[in-house]
């Protein structure tokens, strides 16, 4: 198992460096993403994406550095559960690069945004969360 690095966020990596690295990546892979928002808390970085013309960023995932700038633990943001859950990347591993973590979350959180208006997308996320918390799954 990979070793977790502890510190204010992590010792060697700062939010600005992560945001810049992912901005460069998002420009080529996710043109709908106009800004990558990175916040640090309790040894983890929380990634969100802004979409042009909309105020609120879309929460996407949580990552933790595991001793290397290229090895990160992946926690997917579940809109239905309104929490971050450890998850597996498409490679089959729970660990990957920042870009792999961002892409995995973006496939789910950003892929449907261009096909509907953003307010509808947010309403769908909130409804899914209410259904789960009230115990009503399905439709």
N, C-alpha and C. Protein backbone atom coordinates (compact mmCIF):
# COMPACT_ATOMS: atom_id res chain seq x y z
N UNK A 1 0.84 -1.19 0.00
CA UNK A 1 0.00 0.00 0.00
C UNK A 1 0.88 1.25 0.00
N UNK A 2 0.45 2.26 -0.70
CA UNK A 2 1.22 3.49 -0.81
C UNK A 2 1.18 4.28 0.50
N UNK A 3 2.25 4.98 0.79
CA UNK A 3 2.38 5.77 2.01
C UNK A 3 1.74 7.14 1.82
N UNK A 4 0.92 7.54 2.76
CA UNK A 4 0.26 8.84 2.72
C UNK A 4 1.18 9.91 3.30
N UNK A 5 1.21 11.07 2.66
CA UNK A 5 2.03 12.18 3.13
C UNK A 5 1.13 13.10 3.94
N UNK A 6 1.61 13.55 5.10
CA UNK A 6 0.80 14.43 5.94
C UNK A 6 1.40 15.81 6.01
N UNK A 7 0.61 16.77 6.45
CA UNK A 7 1.07 18.14 6.59
C UNK A 7 -0.14 19.05 6.45
N UNK A 8 0.08 20.35 6.34
CA UNK A 8 -1.04 21.29 6.22
C UNK A 8 -1.92 20.88 5.05
N UNK A 9 -1.37 20.67 3.94
CA UNK A 9 -2.06 20.02 2.82
C UNK A 9 -1.14 18.86 2.48
N UNK A 10 -0.01 19.12 1.91
CA UNK A 10 1.13 18.20 1.87
C UNK A 10 2.36 19.08 1.96
N UNK A 11 3.49 18.48 2.23
CA UNK A 11 4.71 19.27 2.44
C UNK A 11 5.24 19.88 1.16
N UNK A 12 5.20 19.14 0.06
CA UNK A 12 5.91 19.56 -1.15
C UNK A 12 5.03 20.18 -2.24
N UNK A 13 3.76 20.05 -2.10
CA UNK A 13 2.88 20.48 -3.18
C UNK A 13 1.88 21.50 -2.64
N UNK A 14 1.65 22.54 -3.40
CA UNK A 14 0.71 23.58 -2.98
C UNK A 14 -0.47 23.65 -3.93
N UNK A 15 -1.56 24.22 -3.46
CA UNK A 15 -2.77 24.35 -4.27
C UNK A 15 -2.50 25.01 -5.62
N UNK A 16 -1.71 26.06 -5.62
CA UNK A 16 -1.45 26.79 -6.87
C UNK A 16 -0.75 25.94 -7.90
N UNK A 17 0.19 25.11 -7.45
CA UNK A 17 0.90 24.22 -8.37
C UNK A 17 -0.03 23.17 -8.96
N UNK A 18 -0.89 22.63 -8.12
CA UNK A 18 -1.85 21.63 -8.59
C UNK A 18 -2.83 22.27 -9.57
N UNK A 19 -3.35 23.43 -9.21
CA UNK A 19 -4.31 24.12 -10.08
C UNK A 19 -3.69 24.42 -11.44
N UNK A 20 -2.45 24.90 -11.46
CA UNK A 20 -1.79 25.22 -12.74
C UNK A 20 -1.57 23.96 -13.57
N UNK A 21 -1.13 22.91 -12.93
CA UNK A 21 -0.92 21.63 -13.64
C UNK A 21 -2.23 21.13 -14.27
N UNK A 22 -3.32 21.21 -13.50
CA UNK A 22 -4.60 20.73 -14.03
C UNK A 22 -5.23 21.69 -15.02
N UNK A 23 -4.96 22.99 -14.89
CA UNK A 23 -5.46 23.96 -15.89
C UNK A 23 -4.88 23.64 -17.26
N UNK A 24 -3.59 23.37 -17.30
CA UNK A 24 -2.95 23.02 -18.57
C UNK A 24 -3.58 21.77 -19.16
N UNK A 25 -3.81 20.80 -18.32
CA UNK A 25 -4.42 19.54 -18.78
C UNK A 25 -5.86 19.76 -19.24
N UNK A 26 -6.63 20.51 -18.46
CA UNK A 26 -8.04 20.73 -18.79
C UNK A 26 -8.21 21.50 -20.09
N UNK A 27 -7.30 22.42 -20.38
CA UNK A 27 -7.39 23.18 -21.64
C UNK A 27 -7.44 22.28 -22.86
N UNK A 28 -6.69 21.20 -22.83
CA UNK A 28 -6.64 20.31 -23.99
C UNK A 28 -7.70 19.22 -23.94
N UNK A 29 -8.04 18.72 -22.75
CA UNK A 29 -8.97 17.59 -22.64
C UNK A 29 -10.40 17.98 -22.33
N UNK A 30 -10.61 19.08 -21.63
CA UNK A 30 -11.94 19.48 -21.16
C UNK A 30 -12.17 20.96 -21.44
N UNK A 31 -12.42 21.33 -22.70
CA UNK A 31 -12.59 22.75 -23.03
C UNK A 31 -13.77 23.42 -22.34
N UNK A 32 -14.74 22.62 -21.87
CA UNK A 32 -15.88 23.19 -21.14
C UNK A 32 -15.43 23.75 -19.79
N UNK A 33 -14.33 23.26 -19.26
CA UNK A 33 -13.81 23.69 -17.96
C UNK A 33 -13.01 24.98 -18.16
N UNK A 34 -13.49 26.06 -17.57
CA UNK A 34 -12.81 27.35 -17.71
C UNK A 34 -11.84 27.63 -16.57
N UNK A 35 -11.98 26.90 -15.47
CA UNK A 35 -11.09 27.09 -14.33
C UNK A 35 -11.11 25.84 -13.46
N UNK A 36 -9.96 25.47 -12.96
CA UNK A 36 -9.86 24.38 -11.99
C UNK A 36 -9.69 25.03 -10.63
N UNK A 37 -10.57 24.67 -9.70
CA UNK A 37 -10.54 25.23 -8.35
C UNK A 37 -9.97 24.15 -7.42
N UNK A 38 -8.95 24.51 -6.65
CA UNK A 38 -8.31 23.56 -5.74
C UNK A 38 -8.34 24.15 -4.33
N UNK A 39 -8.85 23.36 -3.38
CA UNK A 39 -8.85 23.75 -1.97
C UNK A 39 -8.17 22.65 -1.18
N UNK A 40 -7.44 23.02 -0.15
CA UNK A 40 -6.74 22.05 0.69
C UNK A 40 -7.39 21.99 2.06
N UNK A 41 -7.49 20.77 2.58
CA UNK A 41 -8.00 20.58 3.93
C UNK A 41 -7.59 19.20 4.43
N UNK A 42 -7.06 19.14 5.63
CA UNK A 42 -6.71 17.89 6.31
C UNK A 42 -5.90 16.92 5.45
N UNK A 43 -4.89 17.41 4.79
CA UNK A 43 -4.00 16.55 4.02
C UNK A 43 -4.52 16.15 2.66
N UNK A 44 -5.63 16.73 2.24
CA UNK A 44 -6.21 16.39 0.93
C UNK A 44 -6.45 17.66 0.13
N UNK A 45 -6.56 17.48 -1.18
CA UNK A 45 -6.91 18.57 -2.08
C UNK A 45 -8.26 18.24 -2.70
N UNK A 46 -9.15 19.21 -2.70
CA UNK A 46 -10.50 19.05 -3.26
C UNK A 46 -10.55 19.79 -4.58
N UNK A 47 -10.87 19.06 -5.66
CA UNK A 47 -10.86 19.62 -7.00
C UNK A 47 -12.28 19.89 -7.46
N UNK A 48 -12.47 21.05 -8.07
CA UNK A 48 -13.76 21.44 -8.65
C UNK A 48 -13.48 22.11 -9.99
N UNK A 49 -14.49 22.17 -10.83
CA UNK A 49 -14.33 22.79 -12.16
C UNK A 49 -15.39 23.85 -12.36
N UNK A 50 -14.96 24.98 -12.86
CA UNK A 50 -15.91 26.03 -13.25
C UNK A 50 -16.24 25.85 -14.73
N UNK A 51 -17.50 26.10 -15.03
CA UNK A 51 -17.98 26.02 -16.41
C UNK A 51 -18.38 27.43 -16.82
N UNK A 52 -17.98 27.84 -18.00
CA UNK A 52 -18.21 29.20 -18.49
C UNK A 52 -19.64 29.67 -18.27
N UNK A 53 -19.77 30.86 -17.72
CA UNK A 53 -21.07 31.48 -17.53
C UNK A 53 -21.83 31.05 -16.29
N UNK A 54 -21.23 30.24 -15.44
CA UNK A 54 -21.92 29.75 -14.25
C UNK A 54 -21.07 30.03 -13.02
N UNK A 55 -21.72 30.54 -11.99
CA UNK A 55 -21.01 30.97 -10.79
C UNK A 55 -20.39 29.83 -10.00
N UNK A 56 -21.19 28.81 -9.71
CA UNK A 56 -20.74 27.76 -8.80
C UNK A 56 -19.90 26.71 -9.51
N UNK A 57 -18.75 26.38 -8.94
CA UNK A 57 -17.95 25.30 -9.52
C UNK A 57 -18.60 23.94 -9.24
N UNK A 58 -18.30 22.97 -10.07
CA UNK A 58 -18.81 21.61 -9.92
C UNK A 58 -17.77 20.82 -9.11
N UNK A 59 -18.19 20.31 -7.96
CA UNK A 59 -17.29 19.50 -7.15
C UNK A 59 -17.02 18.20 -7.91
N UNK A 60 -15.75 17.77 -7.92
CA UNK A 60 -15.40 16.61 -8.73
C UNK A 60 -14.74 15.49 -7.94
N UNK A 61 -13.65 15.78 -7.23
CA UNK A 61 -12.96 14.71 -6.53
C UNK A 61 -12.04 15.25 -5.45
N UNK A 62 -11.56 14.33 -4.63
CA UNK A 62 -10.57 14.62 -3.60
C UNK A 62 -9.34 13.79 -3.94
N UNK A 63 -8.16 14.38 -3.82
CA UNK A 63 -6.91 13.65 -4.05
C UNK A 63 -5.97 13.86 -2.87
N UNK A 64 -5.17 12.84 -2.61
CA UNK A 64 -4.13 12.91 -1.58
C UNK A 64 -2.82 12.43 -2.18
N UNK A 65 -1.77 13.21 -1.97
CA UNK A 65 -0.45 12.82 -2.46
C UNK A 65 0.05 11.62 -1.65
N UNK A 66 0.64 10.66 -2.35
CA UNK A 66 1.12 9.45 -1.69
C UNK A 66 2.64 9.31 -1.84
N UNK A 67 3.35 10.37 -1.47
CA UNK A 67 4.80 10.31 -1.46
C UNK A 67 5.47 10.69 -2.76
N UNK A 68 4.70 10.97 -3.80
CA UNK A 68 5.26 11.34 -5.09
C UNK A 68 4.29 12.28 -5.78
N UNK A 69 4.82 13.23 -6.53
CA UNK A 69 3.95 14.18 -7.25
C UNK A 69 3.13 13.49 -8.33
N UNK A 70 3.46 12.24 -8.66
CA UNK A 70 2.71 11.50 -9.68
C UNK A 70 1.93 10.32 -9.13
N UNK A 71 1.75 10.24 -7.81
CA UNK A 71 0.97 9.16 -7.22
C UNK A 71 -0.03 9.75 -6.23
N UNK A 72 -1.31 9.65 -6.59
CA UNK A 72 -2.38 10.28 -5.81
C UNK A 72 -3.50 9.29 -5.53
N UNK A 73 -4.03 9.34 -4.31
CA UNK A 73 -5.20 8.56 -3.94
C UNK A 73 -6.44 9.30 -4.47
N UNK A 74 -7.40 8.57 -5.01
CA UNK A 74 -8.57 9.15 -5.67
C UNK A 74 -9.83 8.94 -4.86
N UNK A 75 -10.51 10.05 -4.53
CA UNK A 75 -11.82 10.01 -3.89
C UNK A 75 -12.82 10.74 -4.76
N UNK A 76 -13.80 10.03 -5.29
CA UNK A 76 -14.80 10.58 -6.21
C UNK A 76 -15.88 11.33 -5.44
N UNK A 77 -16.32 12.50 -5.94
CA UNK A 77 -17.41 13.22 -5.30
C UNK A 77 -18.74 12.65 -5.78
N UNK A 78 -19.53 12.17 -4.83
CA UNK A 78 -20.87 11.66 -5.13
C UNK A 78 -21.87 12.77 -4.85
N UNK A 79 -22.50 13.29 -5.90
CA UNK A 79 -23.50 14.34 -5.72
C UNK A 79 -24.70 13.79 -4.96
N UNK A 80 -25.05 12.54 -5.20
CA UNK A 80 -26.19 11.94 -4.52
C UNK A 80 -25.94 11.84 -3.02
N UNK A 81 -24.74 11.44 -2.64
CA UNK A 81 -24.41 11.31 -1.23
C UNK A 81 -23.80 12.55 -0.63
N UNK A 82 -23.49 13.52 -1.49
CA UNK A 82 -22.83 14.76 -1.10
C UNK A 82 -21.59 14.49 -0.24
N UNK A 83 -20.76 13.54 -0.72
CA UNK A 83 -19.52 13.22 -0.01
C UNK A 83 -18.50 12.66 -1.00
N UNK A 84 -17.27 12.58 -0.52
CA UNK A 84 -16.18 12.02 -1.30
C UNK A 84 -15.97 10.58 -0.86
N UNK A 85 -15.86 9.67 -1.83
CA UNK A 85 -15.69 8.27 -1.52
C UNK A 85 -14.48 7.73 -2.27
N UNK A 86 -13.64 6.96 -1.57
CA UNK A 86 -12.50 6.34 -2.24
C UNK A 86 -13.04 5.51 -3.39
N UNK A 87 -12.34 5.54 -4.52
CA UNK A 87 -12.83 4.87 -5.70
C UNK A 87 -11.68 4.35 -6.53
N UNK A 88 -12.02 3.62 -7.57
CA UNK A 88 -11.04 3.02 -8.47
C UNK A 88 -11.03 3.82 -9.77
N UNK A 89 -9.83 4.05 -10.29
CA UNK A 89 -9.68 4.73 -11.58
C UNK A 89 -9.90 3.73 -12.71
N UNK A 90 -10.12 4.18 -13.95
CA UNK A 90 -10.30 3.27 -15.08
C UNK A 90 -9.15 2.26 -15.25
N UNK A 91 -7.97 2.60 -14.75
CA UNK A 91 -6.83 1.68 -14.83
C UNK A 91 -7.01 0.46 -13.92
N UNK A 92 -7.98 0.55 -12.99
CA UNK A 92 -8.20 -0.53 -12.03
C UNK A 92 -7.51 -0.27 -10.70
N UNK A 93 -6.78 0.81 -10.60
CA UNK A 93 -6.04 1.15 -9.39
C UNK A 93 -6.74 2.28 -8.63
N UNK A 94 -6.63 2.28 -7.29
CA UNK A 94 -7.16 3.42 -6.52
C UNK A 94 -6.19 4.60 -6.52
N UNK A 95 -5.03 4.44 -7.17
CA UNK A 95 -4.00 5.48 -7.22
C UNK A 95 -3.68 5.81 -8.67
N UNK A 96 -3.36 7.10 -8.92
CA UNK A 96 -2.98 7.49 -10.26
C UNK A 96 -2.39 8.89 -10.26
N UNK A 97 -2.18 9.42 -11.45
CA UNK A 97 -1.69 10.80 -11.57
C UNK A 97 -2.83 11.76 -11.30
N UNK A 98 -2.49 13.01 -11.06
CA UNK A 98 -3.52 14.05 -10.90
C UNK A 98 -4.44 14.08 -12.12
N UNK A 99 -3.84 13.98 -13.30
CA UNK A 99 -4.60 14.07 -14.54
C UNK A 99 -5.57 12.89 -14.67
N UNK A 100 -5.14 11.69 -14.28
CA UNK A 100 -6.04 10.53 -14.33
C UNK A 100 -7.22 10.71 -13.37
N UNK A 101 -6.93 11.23 -12.19
CA UNK A 101 -8.00 11.48 -11.21
C UNK A 101 -8.98 12.52 -11.74
N UNK A 102 -8.45 13.62 -12.28
CA UNK A 102 -9.29 14.68 -12.81
C UNK A 102 -10.15 14.16 -13.96
N UNK A 103 -9.54 13.42 -14.89
CA UNK A 103 -10.27 12.89 -16.05
C UNK A 103 -11.39 11.95 -15.63
N UNK A 104 -11.11 11.08 -14.67
CA UNK A 104 -12.13 10.13 -14.22
C UNK A 104 -13.35 10.88 -13.66
N UNK A 105 -13.10 11.89 -12.85
CA UNK A 105 -14.20 12.68 -12.29
C UNK A 105 -14.89 13.51 -13.37
N UNK A 106 -14.12 14.06 -14.30
CA UNK A 106 -14.70 14.91 -15.36
C UNK A 106 -15.60 14.11 -16.29
N UNK A 107 -15.25 12.86 -16.55
CA UNK A 107 -16.11 12.02 -17.40
C UNK A 107 -17.53 12.01 -16.86
N UNK A 108 -17.66 11.90 -15.57
CA UNK A 108 -18.99 11.86 -14.95
C UNK A 108 -19.57 13.25 -14.76
N UNK A 109 -18.80 14.15 -14.17
CA UNK A 109 -19.35 15.44 -13.77
C UNK A 109 -19.43 16.48 -14.88
N UNK A 110 -18.60 16.38 -15.91
CA UNK A 110 -18.60 17.39 -16.97
C UNK A 110 -19.19 16.92 -18.30
N UNK A 111 -19.28 15.63 -18.51
CA UNK A 111 -19.73 15.12 -19.81
C UNK A 111 -21.15 15.52 -20.17
N UNK A 112 -22.05 15.60 -19.21
CA UNK A 112 -23.45 15.92 -19.50
C UNK A 112 -23.75 17.41 -19.47
N UNK A 113 -22.85 18.20 -18.93
CA UNK A 113 -23.11 19.63 -18.79
C UNK A 113 -23.42 20.32 -20.12
N UNK A 114 -22.67 20.07 -21.22
CA UNK A 114 -22.96 20.79 -22.45
C UNK A 114 -24.31 20.44 -23.08
N UNK A 115 -24.89 19.29 -22.73
CA UNK A 115 -26.13 18.86 -23.37
C UNK A 115 -27.37 19.41 -22.69
N UNK A 116 -27.22 20.09 -21.59
CA UNK A 116 -28.37 20.66 -20.90
C UNK A 116 -27.94 21.98 -20.26
N UNK A 117 -28.92 22.78 -19.90
CA UNK A 117 -28.54 24.02 -19.23
C UNK A 117 -28.05 23.71 -17.81
N UNK A 118 -27.16 24.52 -17.32
CA UNK A 118 -26.46 24.23 -16.07
C UNK A 118 -27.42 24.19 -14.88
N UNK A 119 -28.43 25.03 -14.86
CA UNK A 119 -29.40 25.04 -13.76
C UNK A 119 -30.10 23.68 -13.67
N UNK A 120 -30.44 23.11 -14.82
CA UNK A 120 -31.08 21.79 -14.85
C UNK A 120 -30.13 20.73 -14.31
N UNK A 121 -28.87 20.82 -14.69
CA UNK A 121 -27.86 19.88 -14.20
C UNK A 121 -27.76 19.94 -12.67
N UNK A 122 -27.71 21.15 -12.12
CA UNK A 122 -27.62 21.29 -10.66
C UNK A 122 -28.88 20.76 -9.97
N UNK A 123 -30.05 21.02 -10.55
CA UNK A 123 -31.29 20.49 -9.98
C UNK A 123 -31.27 18.97 -9.95
N UNK A 124 -30.76 18.35 -11.01
CA UNK A 124 -30.67 16.90 -11.05
C UNK A 124 -29.75 16.39 -9.95
N UNK A 125 -28.63 17.06 -9.72
CA UNK A 125 -27.72 16.66 -8.65
C UNK A 125 -28.41 16.76 -7.29
N UNK A 126 -29.14 17.85 -7.07
CA UNK A 126 -29.82 18.05 -5.78
C UNK A 126 -30.93 17.02 -5.58
N UNK A 127 -31.71 16.74 -6.63
CA UNK A 127 -32.78 15.75 -6.53
C UNK A 127 -32.21 14.38 -6.19
N UNK A 128 -31.12 14.01 -6.82
CA UNK A 128 -30.50 12.72 -6.54
C UNK A 128 -30.09 12.65 -5.07
N UNK A 129 -29.58 13.73 -4.53
CA UNK A 129 -29.19 13.78 -3.12
C UNK A 129 -30.39 13.66 -2.20
N UNK A 130 -31.49 14.32 -2.54
CA UNK A 130 -32.70 14.23 -1.71
C UNK A 130 -33.29 12.83 -1.74
N UNK A 131 -33.30 12.19 -2.92
CA UNK A 131 -33.84 10.83 -3.02
C UNK A 131 -33.06 9.88 -2.13
N UNK A 132 -31.75 10.01 -2.16
CA UNK A 132 -30.93 9.12 -1.36
C UNK A 132 -31.15 9.36 0.14
N UNK A 133 -31.19 10.63 0.55
CA UNK A 133 -31.33 10.93 1.97
C UNK A 133 -32.73 10.60 2.50
N UNK A 134 -33.73 10.57 1.62
CA UNK A 134 -35.08 10.22 2.07
C UNK A 134 -35.35 8.72 1.95
N UNK A 135 -34.35 7.99 1.40
CA UNK A 135 -34.52 6.55 1.26
C UNK A 135 -35.27 6.15 0.01
N UNK A 136 -35.60 7.09 -0.86
CA UNK A 136 -36.31 6.81 -2.09
C UNK A 136 -35.33 6.68 -3.24
N UNK A 137 -34.98 5.49 -3.59
CA UNK A 137 -34.08 5.29 -4.73
C UNK A 137 -34.90 5.28 -6.00
N UNK A 138 -34.24 5.13 -7.13
CA UNK A 138 -34.94 5.01 -8.40
C UNK A 138 -35.57 6.30 -8.83
N UNK A 139 -36.76 6.19 -9.49
CA UNK A 139 -37.41 7.37 -10.05
C UNK A 139 -38.39 8.01 -9.13
